[in-house]
PDB file of N, CA and C in Angstrom:
ATOM      1  N   MET A   1       6.769  33.089  21.500  1.00  0.00           N
ATOM      2  CA  MET A   1       7.166  31.706  21.706  1.00  0.00           C
ATOM      3  C   MET A   1       7.883  31.206  20.451  1.00  0.00           C
ATOM      4  N   VAL A   2       9.047  30.635  20.648  1.00  0.00           N
ATOM      5  CA  VAL A   2       9.819  30.094  19.535  1.00  0.00           C
ATOM      6  C   VAL A   2       9.501  28.609  19.412  1.00  0.00           C
ATOM      7  N   GLU A   3       9.102  28.207  18.230  1.00  0.00           N
ATOM      8  CA  GLU A   3       8.737  26.820  17.980  1.00  0.00           C
ATOM      9  C   GLU A   3       9.973  25.914  18.032  1.00  0.00           C
ATOM     10  N   PRO A   4       9.848  24.692  18.541  1.00  0.00           N
ATOM     11  CA  PRO A   4      10.994  23.785  18.655  1.00  0.00           C
ATOM     12  C   PRO A   4      11.678  23.440  17.332  1.00  0.00           C
ATOM     13  N   HIS A   5      10.989  23.539  16.218  1.00  0.00           N
ATOM     14  CA  HIS A   5      11.597  23.225  14.923  1.00  0.00           C
ATOM     15  C   HIS A   5      12.315  24.431  14.312  1.00  0.00           C
ATOM     16  N   SER A   6      12.226  25.601  14.946  1.00  0.00           N
ATOM     17  CA  SER A   6      12.864  26.813  14.443  1.00  0.00           C
ATOM     18  C   SER A   6      14.360  26.813  14.769  1.00  0.00           C
ATOM     19  N   PRO A   7      15.193  27.318  13.857  1.00  0.00           N
ATOM     20  CA  PRO A   7      16.616  27.474  14.170  1.00  0.00           C
ATOM     21  C   PRO A   7      16.854  28.415  15.354  1.00  0.00           C
ATOM     22  N   ASN A   8      15.890  29.280  15.653  1.00  0.00           N
ATOM     23  CA  ASN A   8      16.004  30.202  16.788  1.00  0.00           C
ATOM     24  C   ASN A   8      15.644  29.563  18.123  1.00  0.00           C
ATOM     25  N   TYR A   9      15.301  28.288  18.117  1.00  0.00           N
ATOM     26  CA  TYR A   9      14.932  27.597  19.353  1.00  0.00           C
ATOM     27  C   TYR A   9      16.180  27.076  20.055  1.00  0.00           C
ATOM     28  N   LEU A  10      16.263  27.325  21.339  1.00  0.00           N
ATOM     29  CA  LEU A  10      17.329  26.761  22.162  1.00  0.00           C
ATOM     30  C   LEU A  10      16.700  25.895  23.247  1.00  0.00           C
ATOM     31  N   HIS A  11      17.066  24.646  23.275  1.00  0.00           N
ATOM     32  CA  HIS A  11      16.579  23.747  24.321  1.00  0.00           C
ATOM     33  C   HIS A  11      17.183  24.171  25.648  1.00  0.00           C
ATOM     34  N   PRO A  12      16.425  24.112  26.720  1.00  0.00           N
ATOM     35  CA  PRO A  12      16.948  24.540  28.029  1.00  0.00           C
ATOM     36  C   PRO A  12      18.219  23.797  28.469  1.00  0.00           C
ATOM     37  N   SER A  13      18.436  22.603  27.962  1.00  0.00           N
ATOM     38  CA  SER A  13      19.627  21.847  28.367  1.00  0.00           C
ATOM     39  C   SER A  13      20.880  22.272  27.608  1.00  0.00           C
ATOM     40  N   LYS A  14      20.740  23.116  26.602  1.00  0.00           N
ATOM     41  CA  LYS A  14      21.873  23.561  25.799  1.00  0.00           C
ATOM     42  C   LYS A  14      22.440  24.842  26.403  1.00  0.00           C
ATOM     43  N   GLY A  15      23.622  24.740  26.983  1.00  0.00           N
ATOM     44  CA  GLY A  15      24.235  25.900  27.620  1.00  0.00           C
ATOM     45  C   GLY A  15      25.527  26.307  26.938  1.00  0.00           C
ATOM     46  N   PRO A  16      26.100  27.440  27.345  1.00  0.00           N
ATOM     47  CA  PRO A  16      27.309  27.945  26.705  1.00  0.00           C
ATOM     48  C   PRO A  16      28.537  27.063  26.917  1.00  0.00           C
ATOM     49  N   GLY A  17      28.525  26.213  27.917  1.00  0.00           N
ATOM     50  CA  GLY A  17      29.666  25.335  28.173  1.00  0.00           C
ATOM     51  C   GLY A  17      29.618  24.026  27.413  1.00  0.00           C
ATOM     52  N   MET A  18      28.594  23.827  26.608  1.00  0.00           N
ATOM     53  CA  MET A  18      28.411  22.571  25.892  1.00  0.00           C
ATOM     54  C   MET A  18      29.497  22.358  24.830  1.00  0.00           C
ATOM     55  N   MET A  19      29.981  21.138  24.742  1.00  0.00           N
ATOM     56  CA  MET A  19      30.943  20.753  23.704  1.00  0.00           C
ATOM     57  C   MET A  19      30.152  20.097  22.583  1.00  0.00           C
ATOM     58  N   ILE A  20      30.164  20.696  21.396  1.00  0.00           N
ATOM     59  CA  ILE A  20      29.396  20.143  20.284  1.00  0.00           C
ATOM     60  C   ILE A  20      30.148  19.029  19.575  1.00  0.00           C
ATOM     61  N   THR A  21      31.452  18.928  19.829  1.00  0.00           N
ATOM     62  CA  THR A  21      32.262  17.849  19.269  1.00  0.00           C
ATOM     63  C   THR A  21      33.504  17.683  20.138  1.00  0.00           C
ATOM     64  N   THR A  22      34.144  16.545  20.037  1.00  0.00           N
ATOM     65  CA  THR A  22      35.380  16.329  20.787  1.00  0.00           C
ATOM     66  C   THR A  22      36.601  16.774  19.993  1.00  0.00           C
ATOM     67  N   VAL A  23      36.415  17.119  18.725  1.00  0.00           N
ATOM     68  CA  VAL A  23      37.518  17.568  17.888  1.00  0.00           C
ATOM     69  C   VAL A  23      37.777  19.053  18.176  1.00  0.00           C
ATOM     70  N   ILE A  24      38.963  19.342  18.663  1.00  0.00           N
ATOM     71  CA  ILE A  24      39.360  20.714  18.968  1.00  0.00           C
ATOM     72  C   ILE A  24      40.229  21.231  17.824  1.00  0.00           C
ATOM     73  N   PHE A  25      39.892  22.414  17.316  1.00  0.00           N
ATOM     74  CA  PHE A  25      40.673  23.000  16.229  1.00  0.00           C
ATOM     75  C   PHE A  25      41.969  23.563  16.795  1.00  0.00           C
ATOM     76  N   ASP A  26      43.105  23.070  16.265  1.00  0.00           N
ATOM     77  CA  ASP A  26      44.411  23.472  16.768  1.00  0.00           C
ATOM     78  C   ASP A  26      45.220  24.287  15.763  1.00  0.00           C
ATOM     79  N   GLY A  27      44.612  24.673  14.660  1.00  0.00           N
ATOM     80  CA  GLY A  27      45.305  25.440  13.639  1.00  0.00           C
ATOM     81  C   GLY A  27      45.800  24.586  12.489  1.00  0.00           C
ATOM     82  N   LYS A  28      45.778  23.263  12.675  1.00  0.00           N
ATOM     83  CA  LYS A  28      46.288  22.356  11.646  1.00  0.00           C
ATOM     84  C   LYS A  28      45.223  21.410  11.097  1.00  0.00           C
ATOM     85  N   ASN A  29      44.147  21.248  11.792  1.00  0.00           N
ATOM     86  CA  ASN A  29      43.135  20.255  11.421  1.00  0.00           C
ATOM     87  C   ASN A  29      41.824  20.909  10.983  1.00  0.00           C
ATOM     88  N   TYR A  30      41.917  21.998  10.211  1.00  0.00           N
ATOM     89  CA  TYR A  30      40.721  22.758   9.844  1.00  0.00           C
ATOM     90  C   TYR A  30      39.702  21.916   9.075  1.00  0.00           C
ATOM     91  N   ASP A  31      40.148  21.151   8.095  1.00  0.00           N
ATOM     92  CA  ASP A  31      39.199  20.390   7.269  1.00  0.00           C
ATOM     93  C   ASP A  31      38.353  19.434   8.109  1.00  0.00           C
ATOM     94  N   LEU A  32      38.999  18.684   8.989  1.00  0.00           N
ATOM     95  CA  LEU A  32      38.268  17.757   9.859  1.00  0.00           C
ATOM     96  C   LEU A  32      37.361  18.528  10.805  1.00  0.00           C
ATOM     97  N   TRP A  33      37.911  19.561  11.432  1.00  0.00           N
ATOM     98  CA  TRP A  33      37.149  20.352  12.389  1.00  0.00           C
ATOM     99  C   TRP A  33      35.910  20.968  11.743  1.00  0.00           C
ATOM    100  N   GLU A  34      36.085  21.555  10.562  1.00  0.00           N
ATOM    101  CA  GLU A  34      34.950  22.160   9.853  1.00  0.00           C
ATOM    102  C   GLU A  34      33.861  21.122   9.600  1.00  0.00           C
ATOM    103  N   ARG A  35      34.272  19.958   9.166  1.00  0.00           N
ATOM    104  CA  ARG A  35      33.314  18.888   8.849  1.00  0.00           C
ATOM    105  C   ARG A  35      32.515  18.449  10.074  1.00  0.00           C
ATOM    106  N   VAL A  36      33.208  18.210  11.194  1.00  0.00           N
ATOM    107  CA  VAL A  36      32.495  17.722  12.377  1.00  0.00           C
ATOM    108  C   VAL A  36      31.645  18.810  13.021  1.00  0.00           C
ATOM    109  N   VAL A  37      32.103  20.058  12.967  1.00  0.00           N
ATOM    110  CA  VAL A  37      31.303  21.149  13.527  1.00  0.00           C
ATOM    111  C   VAL A  37      30.049  21.369  12.684  1.00  0.00           C
ATOM    112  N   LYS A  38      30.193  21.354  11.362  1.00  0.00           N
ATOM    113  CA  LYS A  38      29.014  21.506  10.497  1.00  0.00           C
ATOM    114  C   LYS A  38      28.012  20.378  10.734  1.00  0.00           C
ATOM    115  N   THR A  39      28.504  19.164  10.893  1.00  0.00           N
ATOM    116  CA  THR A  39      27.616  18.026  11.157  1.00  0.00           C
ATOM    117  C   THR A  39      26.888  18.217  12.484  1.00  0.00           C
ATOM    118  N   ALA A  40      27.613  18.654  13.508  1.00  0.00           N
ATOM    119  CA  ALA A  40      26.994  18.874  14.818  1.00  0.00           C
ATOM    120  C   ALA A  40      25.952  19.985  14.762  1.00  0.00           C
ATOM    121  N   LEU A  41      26.284  21.083  14.091  1.00  0.00           N
ATOM    122  CA  LEU A  41      25.334  22.194  13.997  1.00  0.00           C
ATOM    123  C   LEU A  41      24.111  21.829  13.158  1.00  0.00           C
ATOM    124  N   LYS A  42      24.324  21.045  12.125  1.00  0.00           N
ATOM    125  CA  LYS A  42      23.192  20.597  11.302  1.00  0.00           C
ATOM    126  C   LYS A  42      22.247  19.729  12.132  1.00  0.00           C
ATOM    127  N   SER A  43      22.806  18.888  12.982  1.00  0.00           N
ATOM    128  CA  SER A  43      21.961  18.020  13.813  1.00  0.00           C
ATOM    129  C   SER A  43      21.140  18.819  14.814  1.00  0.00           C
ATOM    130  N   LYS A  44      21.575  20.023  15.129  1.00  0.00           N
ATOM    131  CA  LYS A  44      20.864  20.886  16.073  1.00  0.00           C
ATOM    132  C   LYS A  44      20.061  21.984  15.367  1.00  0.00           C
ATOM    133  N   ASN A  45      19.995  21.919  14.044  1.00  0.00           N
ATOM    134  CA  ASN A  45      19.259  22.888  13.230  1.00  0.00           C
ATOM    135  C   ASN A  45      19.832  24.302  13.385  1.00  0.00           C
ATOM    136  N   LYS A  46      21.162  24.397  13.496  1.00  0.00           N
ATOM    137  CA  LYS A  46      21.811  25.690  13.681  1.00  0.00           C
ATOM    138  C   LYS A  46      22.814  26.014  12.573  1.00  0.00           C
ATOM    139  N   LEU A  47      22.960  25.155  11.584  1.00  0.00           N
ATOM    140  CA  LEU A  47      23.924  25.362  10.515  1.00  0.00           C
ATOM    141  C   LEU A  47      23.648  26.647   9.739  1.00  0.00           C
ATOM    142  N   VAL A  48      22.395  27.055   9.680  1.00  0.00           N
ATOM    143  CA  VAL A  48      22.020  28.271   8.939  1.00  0.00           C
ATOM    144  C   VAL A  48      22.703  29.517   9.498  1.00  0.00           C
ATOM    145  N   PHE A  49      23.123  29.492  10.751  1.00  0.00           N
ATOM    146  CA  PHE A  49      23.797  30.643  11.341  1.00  0.00           C
ATOM    147  C   PHE A  49      25.203  30.810  10.768  1.00  0.00           C
ATOM    148  N   VAL A  50      25.968  29.724  10.678  1.00  0.00           N
ATOM    149  CA  VAL A  50      27.332  29.845  10.146  1.00  0.00           C
ATOM    150  C   VAL A  50      27.320  30.027   8.633  1.00  0.00           C
ATOM    151  N   GLU A  51      26.286  29.549   7.979  1.00  0.00           N
ATOM    152  CA  GLU A  51      26.165  29.724   6.537  1.00  0.00           C
ATOM    153  C   GLU A  51      25.628  31.108   6.168  1.00  0.00           C
ATOM    154  N   GLY A  52      25.100  31.828   7.142  1.00  0.00           N
ATOM    155  CA  GLY A  52      24.556  33.163   6.886  1.00  0.00           C
ATOM    156  C   GLY A  52      23.191  33.140   6.229  1.00  0.00           C
ATOM    157  N   LYS A  53      22.508  32.011   6.290  1.00  0.00           N
ATOM    158  CA  LYS A  53      21.189  31.887   5.653  1.00  0.00           C
ATOM    159  C   LYS A  53      20.056  32.410   6.527  1.00  0.00           C
ATOM    160  N   LEU A  54      20.331  32.598   7.797  1.00  0.00           N
ATOM    161  CA  LEU A  54      19.314  33.123   8.711  1.00  0.00           C
ATOM    162  C   LEU A  54      19.840  34.436   9.266  1.00  0.00           C
ATOM    163  N   ILE A  55      19.259  35.523   8.806  1.00  0.00           N
ATOM    164  CA  ILE A  55      19.742  36.836   9.231  1.00  0.00           C
ATOM    165  C   ILE A  55      18.900  37.361  10.387  1.00  0.00           C
ATOM    166  N   ARG A  56      19.481  38.287  11.107  1.00  0.00           N
ATOM    167  CA  ARG A  56      18.781  38.896  12.236  1.00  0.00           C
ATOM    168  C   ARG A  56      17.740  39.867  11.701  1.00  0.00           C
ATOM    169  N   LEU A  57      16.514  39.713  12.150  1.00  0.00           N
ATOM    170  CA  LEU A  57      15.443  40.625  11.782  1.00  0.00           C
ATOM    171  C   LEU A  57      15.563  41.902  12.601  1.00  0.00           C
ATOM    172  N   LYS A  58      15.008  42.963  12.094  1.00  0.00           N
ATOM    173  CA  LYS A  58      14.992  44.231  12.829  1.00  0.00           C
ATOM    174  C   LYS A  58      14.106  44.079  14.051  1.00  0.00           C
ATOM    175  N   ASP A  59      14.463  44.810  15.110  1.00  0.00           N
ATOM    176  CA  ASP A  59      13.609  44.819  16.294  1.00  0.00           C
ATOM    177  C   ASP A  59      12.282  45.458  15.947  1.00  0.00           C
ATOM    178  N   GLY A  60      11.219  44.812  16.354  1.00  0.00           N
ATOM    179  CA  GLY A  60       9.886  45.349  16.102  1.00  0.00           C
ATOM    180  C   GLY A  60       9.417  46.207  17.261  1.00  0.00           C
ATOM    181  N   ASN A  61       8.234  46.725  17.132  1.00  0.00           N
ATOM    182  CA  ASN A  61       7.649  47.530  18.200  1.00  0.00           C
ATOM    183  C   ASN A  61       6.867  46.681  19.196  1.00  0.00           C
ATOM    184  N   ASP A  62       6.865  45.364  18.949  1.00  0.00           N
ATOM    185  CA  ASP A  62       6.073  44.495  19.811  1.00  0.00           C
ATOM    186  C   ASP A  62       6.706  44.374  21.198  1.00  0.00           C
ATOM    187  N   GLU A  63       5.858  44.290  22.183  1.00  0.00           N
ATOM    188  CA  GLU A  63       6.292  44.091  23.565  1.00  0.00           C
ATOM    189  C   GLU A  63       6.637  42.627  23.760  1.00  0.00           C
ATOM    190  N   GLY A  64       7.548  42.359  24.649  1.00  0.00           N
ATOM    191  CA  GLY A  64       7.891  40.979  24.949  1.00  0.00           C
ATOM    192  C   GLY A  64       9.044  40.480  24.096  1.00  0.00           C
ATOM    193  N   PHE A  65       9.135  39.188  24.010  1.00  0.00           N
ATOM    194  CA  PHE A  65      10.245  38.511  23.342  1.00  0.00           C
ATOM    195  C   PHE A  65      10.065  38.542  21.832  1.00  0.00           C
ATOM    196  N   SER A  66      11.084  39.002  21.103  1.00  0.00           N
ATOM    197  CA  SER A  66      10.976  39.114  19.650  1.00  0.00           C
ATOM    198  C   SER A  66      11.876  38.109  18.950  1.00  0.00           C
ATOM    199  N   GLU A  67      11.674  37.959  17.650  1.00  0.00           N
ATOM    200  CA  GLU A  67      12.527  37.089  16.829  1.00  0.00           C
ATOM    201  C   GLU A  67      13.966  37.585  16.845  1.00  0.00           C
ATOM    202  N   ALA A  68      14.157  38.904  16.865  1.00  0.00           N
ATOM    203  CA  ALA A  68      15.504  39.468  16.911  1.00  0.00           C
ATOM    204  C   ALA A  68      16.205  39.074  18.209  1.00  0.00           C
ATOM    205  N   GLN A  69      15.487  39.092  19.308  1.00  0.00           N
ATOM    206  CA  GLN A  69      16.070  38.686  20.584  1.00  0.00           C
ATOM    207  C   GLN A  69      16.401  37.194  20.584  1.00  0.00           C
ATOM    208  N   ALA A  70      15.539  36.407  19.988  1.00  0.00           N
ATOM    209  CA  ALA A  70      15.798  34.966  19.892  1.00  0.00           C
ATOM    210  C   ALA A  70      17.044  34.719  19.053  1.00  0.00           C
ATOM    211  N   TRP A  71      17.161  35.438  17.929  1.00  0.00           N
ATOM    212  CA  TRP A  71      18.337  35.294  17.071  1.00  0.00           C
ATOM    213  C   TRP A  71      19.601  35.678  17.837  1.00  0.00           C
ATOM    214  N   ASP A  72      19.557  36.768  18.587  1.00  0.00           N
ATOM    215  CA  ASP A  72      20.709  37.212  19.381  1.00  0.00           C
ATOM    216  C   ASP A  72      21.129  36.150  20.391  1.00  0.00           C
ATOM    217  N   MET A  73      20.159  35.547  21.047  1.00  0.00           N
ATOM    218  CA  MET A  73      20.454  34.511  22.043  1.00  0.00           C
ATOM    219  C   MET A  73      21.139  33.305  21.393  1.00  0.00           C
ATOM    220  N   VAL A  74      20.590  32.841  20.280  1.00  0.00           N
ATOM    221  CA  VAL A  74      21.165  31.670  19.611  1.00  0.00           C
ATOM    222  C   VAL A  74      22.540  32.009  19.055  1.00  0.00           C
ATOM    223  N   ASN A  75      22.692  33.170  18.451  1.00  0.00           N
ATOM    224  CA  ASN A  75      23.988  33.576  17.923  1.00  0.00           C
ATOM    225  C   ASN A  75      25.043  33.591  19.034  1.00  0.00           C
ATOM    226  N   SER A  76      24.704  34.141  20.178  1.00  0.00           N
ATOM    227  CA  SER A  76      25.639  34.179  21.306  1.00  0.00           C
ATOM    228  C   SER A  76      25.987  32.776  21.785  1.00  0.00           C
ATOM    229  N   MET A  77      24.996  31.915  21.832  1.00  0.00           N
ATOM    230  CA  MET A  77      25.231  30.536  22.251  1.00  0.00           C
ATOM    231  C   MET A  77      26.156  29.831  21.266  1.00  0.00           C
ATOM    232  N   LEU A  78      25.932  30.037  19.977  1.00  0.00           N
ATOM    233  CA  LEU A  78      26.779  29.399  18.966  1.00  0.00           C
ATOM    234  C   LEU A  78      28.211  29.922  19.030  1.00  0.00           C
ATOM    235  N   CYS A  79      28.381  31.200  19.289  1.00  0.00           N
ATOM    236  CA  CYS A  79      29.736  31.735  19.473  1.00  0.00           C
ATOM    237  C   CYS A  79      30.421  31.026  20.640  1.00  0.00           C
ATOM    238  N   SER A  80      29.703  30.813  21.717  1.00  0.00           N
ATOM    239  CA  SER A  80      30.255  30.088  22.863  1.00  0.00           C
ATOM    240  C   SER A  80      30.620  28.663  22.487  1.00  0.00           C
ATOM    241  N   TRP A  81      29.746  27.998  21.758  1.00  0.00           N
ATOM    242  CA  TRP A  81      30.019  26.617  21.349  1.00  0.00           C
ATOM    243  C   TRP A  81      31.268  26.548  20.482  1.00  0.00           C
ATOM    244  N   LEU A  82      31.422  27.511  19.571  1.00  0.00           N
ATOM    245  CA  LEU A  82      32.611  27.518  18.717  1.00  0.00           C
ATOM    246  C   LEU A  82      33.871  27.794  19.532  1.00  0.00           C
ATOM    247  N   PHE A  83      33.803  28.707  20.497  1.00  0.00           N
ATOM    248  CA  PHE A  83      34.954  28.950  21.374  1.00  0.00           C
ATOM    249  C   PHE A  83      35.374  27.666  22.084  1.00  0.00           C
ATOM    250  N   ASN A  84      34.388  26.877  22.472  1.00  0.00           N
ATOM    251  CA  ASN A  84      34.670  25.643  23.217  1.00  0.00           C
ATOM    252  C   ASN A  84      35.419  24.606  22.397  1.00  0.00           C
ATOM    253  N   VAL A  85      35.376  24.707  21.082  1.00  0.00           N
ATOM    254  CA  VAL A  85      36.063  23.729  20.232  1.00  0.00           C
ATOM    255  C   VAL A  85      37.248  24.356  19.489  1.00  0.00           C
ATOM    256  N   LEU A  86      37.745  25.472  20.035  1.00  0.00           N
ATOM    257  CA  LEU A  86      38.957  26.113  19.520  1.00  0.00           C
ATOM    258  C   LEU A  86      40.060  25.976  20.565  1.00  0.00           C
ATOM    259  N   ASN A  87      41.264  25.734  20.112  1.00  0.00           N
ATOM    260  CA  ASN A  87      42.423  25.731  20.984  1.00  0.00           C
ATOM    261  C   ASN A  87      42.527  27.102  21.650  1.00  0.00           C
ATOM    262  N   LEU A  88      42.959  27.130  22.900  1.00  0.00           N
ATOM    263  CA  LEU A  88      43.045  28.391  23.638  1.00  0.00           C
ATOM    264  C   LEU A  88      43.858  29.456  22.902  1.00  0.00           C
ATOM    265  N   LYS A  89      44.904  29.059  22.214  1.00  0.00           N
ATOM    266  CA  LYS A  89      45.758  30.016  21.509  1.00  0.00           C
ATOM    267  C   LYS A  89      45.058  30.649  20.313  1.00  0.00           C
ATOM    268  N   LEU A  90      44.034  29.983  19.769  1.00  0.00           N
ATOM    269  CA  LEU A  90      43.341  30.495  18.587  1.00  0.00           C
ATOM    270  C   LEU A  90      42.124  31.354  18.929  1.00  0.00           C
ATOM    271  N   ARG A  91      41.680  31.305  20.146  1.00  0.00           N
ATOM    272  CA  ARG A  91      40.456  32.025  20.522  1.00  0.00           C
ATOM    273  C   ARG A  91      40.560  33.532  20.339  1.00  0.00           C
ATOM    274  N   MET A  92      41.730  34.086  20.605  1.00  0.00           N
ATOM    275  CA  MET A  92      41.880  35.542  20.468  1.00  0.00           C
ATOM    276  C   MET A  92      41.735  36.008  19.026  1.00  0.00           C
ATOM    277  N   ASN A  93      41.961  35.105  18.065  1.00  0.00           N
ATOM    278  CA  ASN A  93      41.804  35.471  16.656  1.00  0.00           C
ATOM    279  C   ASN A  93      40.376  35.869  16.322  1.00  0.00           C
ATOM    280  N   VAL A  94      39.412  35.314  17.034  1.00  0.00           N
ATOM    281  CA  VAL A  94      38.001  35.556  16.716  1.00  0.00           C
ATOM    282  C   VAL A  94      37.196  36.050  17.914  1.00  0.00           C
ATOM    283  N   ALA A  95      37.884  36.418  18.980  1.00  0.00           N
ATOM    284  CA  ALA A  95      37.208  36.785  20.230  1.00  0.00           C
ATOM    285  C   ALA A  95      36.261  37.972  20.090  1.00  0.00           C
ATOM    286  N   TYR A  96      36.528  38.856  19.154  1.00  0.00           N
ATOM    287  CA  TYR A  96      35.717  40.067  19.036  1.00  0.00           C
ATOM    288  C   TYR A  96      34.757  40.037  17.854  1.00  0.00           C
ATOM    289  N   SER A  97      34.492  38.855  17.337  1.00  0.00           N
ATOM    290  CA  SER A  97      33.508  38.703  16.260  1.00  0.00           C
ATOM    291  C   SER A  97      32.113  38.876  16.842  1.00  0.00           C
ATOM    292  N   ASP A  98      31.289  39.665  16.169  1.00  0.00           N
ATOM    293  CA  ASP A  98      29.939  39.928  16.666  1.00  0.00           C
ATOM    294  C   ASP A  98      28.954  38.816  16.359  1.00  0.00           C
ATOM    295  N   THR A  99      29.211  38.082  15.285  1.00  0.00           N
ATOM    296  CA  THR A  99      28.275  37.030  14.908  1.00  0.00           C
ATOM    297  C   THR A  99      29.019  35.730  14.637  1.00  0.00           C
ATOM    298  N   THR A 100      28.272  34.656  14.696  1.00  0.00           N
ATOM    299  CA  THR A 100      28.818  33.341  14.385  1.00  0.00           C
ATOM    300  C   THR A 100      29.316  33.307  12.949  1.00  0.00           C
ATOM    301  N   LYS A 101      28.604  33.936  12.040  1.00  0.00           N
ATOM    302  CA  LYS A 101      28.986  33.967  10.630  1.00  0.00           C
ATOM    303  C   LYS A 101      30.333  34.649  10.450  1.00  0.00           C
ATOM    304  N   ILE A 102      30.534  35.784  11.094  1.00  0.00           N
ATOM    305  CA  ILE A 102      31.812  36.501  10.994  1.00  0.00           C
ATOM    306  C   ILE A 102      32.934  35.639  11.564  1.00  0.00           C
ATOM    307  N   MET A 103      32.692  35.013  12.703  1.00  0.00           N
ATOM    308  CA  MET A 103      33.684  34.141  13.327  1.00  0.00           C
ATOM    309  C   MET A 103      34.046  32.991  12.390  1.00  0.00           C
ATOM    310  N   TRP A 104      33.029  32.354  11.848  1.00  0.00           N
ATOM    311  CA  TRP A 104      33.215  31.202  10.961  1.00  0.00           C
ATOM    312  C   TRP A 104      34.003  31.598   9.711  1.00  0.00           C
ATOM    313  N   ASP A 105      33.606  32.700   9.094  1.00  0.00           N
ATOM    314  CA  ASP A 105      34.282  33.155   7.871  1.00  0.00           C
ATOM    315  C   ASP A 105      35.734  33.540   8.135  1.00  0.00           C
ATOM    316  N   ASP A 106      35.994  34.145   9.279  1.00  0.00           N
ATOM    317  CA  ASP A 106      37.358  34.530   9.629  1.00  0.00           C
ATOM    318  C   ASP A 106      38.237  33.288   9.783  1.00  0.00           C
ATOM    319  N   LEU A 107      37.749  32.287  10.488  1.00  0.00           N
ATOM    320  CA  LEU A 107      38.520  31.049  10.647  1.00  0.00           C
ATOM    321  C   LEU A 107      38.747  30.372   9.299  1.00  0.00           C
ATOM    322  N   LYS A 108      37.705  30.353   8.481  1.00  0.00           N
ATOM    323  CA  LYS A 108      37.824  29.725   7.166  1.00  0.00           C
ATOM    324  C   LYS A 108      38.873  30.441   6.313  1.00  0.00           C
ATOM    325  N   LYS A 109      38.820  31.759   6.310  1.00  0.00           N
ATOM    326  CA  LYS A 109      39.759  32.547   5.520  1.00  0.00           C
ATOM    327  C   LYS A 109      41.198  32.317   5.977  1.00  0.00           C
ATOM    328  N   ARG A 110      41.407  32.227   7.276  1.00  0.00           N
ATOM    329  CA  ARG A 110      42.756  32.056   7.824  1.00  0.00           C
ATOM    330  C   ARG A 110      43.318  30.655   7.635  1.00  0.00           C
ATOM    331  N   TYR A 111      42.464  29.637   7.733  1.00  0.00           N
ATOM    332  CA  TYR A 111      42.988  28.281   7.874  1.00  0.00           C
ATOM    333  C   TYR A 111      42.636  27.306   6.756  1.00  0.00           C
ATOM    334  N   THR A 112      41.726  27.658   5.869  1.00  0.00           N
ATOM    335  CA  THR A 112      41.411  26.719   4.798  1.00  0.00           C
ATOM    336  C   THR A 112      42.556  26.680   3.803  1.00  0.00           C
ATOM    337  N   ILE A 113      42.831  25.504   3.324  1.00  0.00           N
ATOM    338  CA  ILE A 113      43.899  25.324   2.340  1.00  0.00           C
ATOM    339  C   ILE A 113      43.295  24.725   1.089  1.00  0.00           C
ATOM    340  N   ALA A 114      43.456  25.435  -0.017  1.00  0.00           N
ATOM    341  CA  ALA A 114      42.935  24.934  -1.281  1.00  0.00           C
ATOM    342  C   ALA A 114      43.797  23.757  -1.718  1.00  0.00           C
ATOM    343  N   ASN A 115      43.142  22.630  -1.925  1.00  0.00           N
ATOM    344  CA  ASN A 115      43.847  21.429  -2.335  1.00  0.00           C
ATOM    345  C   ASN A 115      42.977  20.722  -3.351  1.00  0.00           C
ATOM    346  N   THR A 116      43.168  21.031  -4.619  1.00  0.00           N
ATOM    347  CA  THR A 116      42.321  20.500  -5.688  1.00  0.00           C
ATOM    348  C   THR A 116      42.298  18.974  -5.724  1.00  0.00           C
ATOM    349  N   PRO A 117      43.443  18.291  -5.640  1.00  0.00           N
ATOM    350  CA  PRO A 117      43.376  16.820  -5.669  1.00  0.00           C
ATOM    351  C   PRO A 117      42.565  16.261  -4.498  1.00  0.00           C
ATOM    352  N   LYS A 118      42.654  16.898  -3.312  1.00  0.00           N
ATOM    353  CA  LYS A 118      41.919  16.410  -2.154  1.00  0.00           C
ATOM    354  C   LYS A 118      40.410  16.556  -2.356  1.00  0.00           C
ATOM    355  N   ILE A 119      39.991  17.614  -3.036  1.00  0.00           N
ATOM    356  CA  ILE A 119      38.560  17.848  -3.294  1.00  0.00           C
ATOM    357  C   ILE A 119      37.987  16.729  -4.143  1.00  0.00           C
ATOM    358  N   HIS A 120      38.734  16.284  -5.131  1.00  0.00           N
ATOM    359  CA  HIS A 120      38.261  15.227  -6.015  1.00  0.00           C
ATOM    360  C   HIS A 120      38.414  13.895  -5.351  1.00  0.00           C
TER     361      HIS A 120
END
């Protein structure tokens, strides 16, 4: 049983078609998109997946539902949520990413623009 306060918990009402934000990443609005997606994921206790702070545990010998299976389910759901807030033309760039972290890092690497004055 996954506790409701765990990042591995998925509420039954949260499905793969859910839109976590109305801001769609179109290749030009990465800074805004990153900010609103991080805020949405933080509100759902899922930010640790894109930050890479919650890693998948090895499958144990225990029968039944494991933490690794829970992690796999949430990771897959988060990949779906991220696809839902990407422009259709950009989805193929990350379609074959195995984890949310890989997907997130790939988008960041491709689209983040270093702007020192903007940071300050």
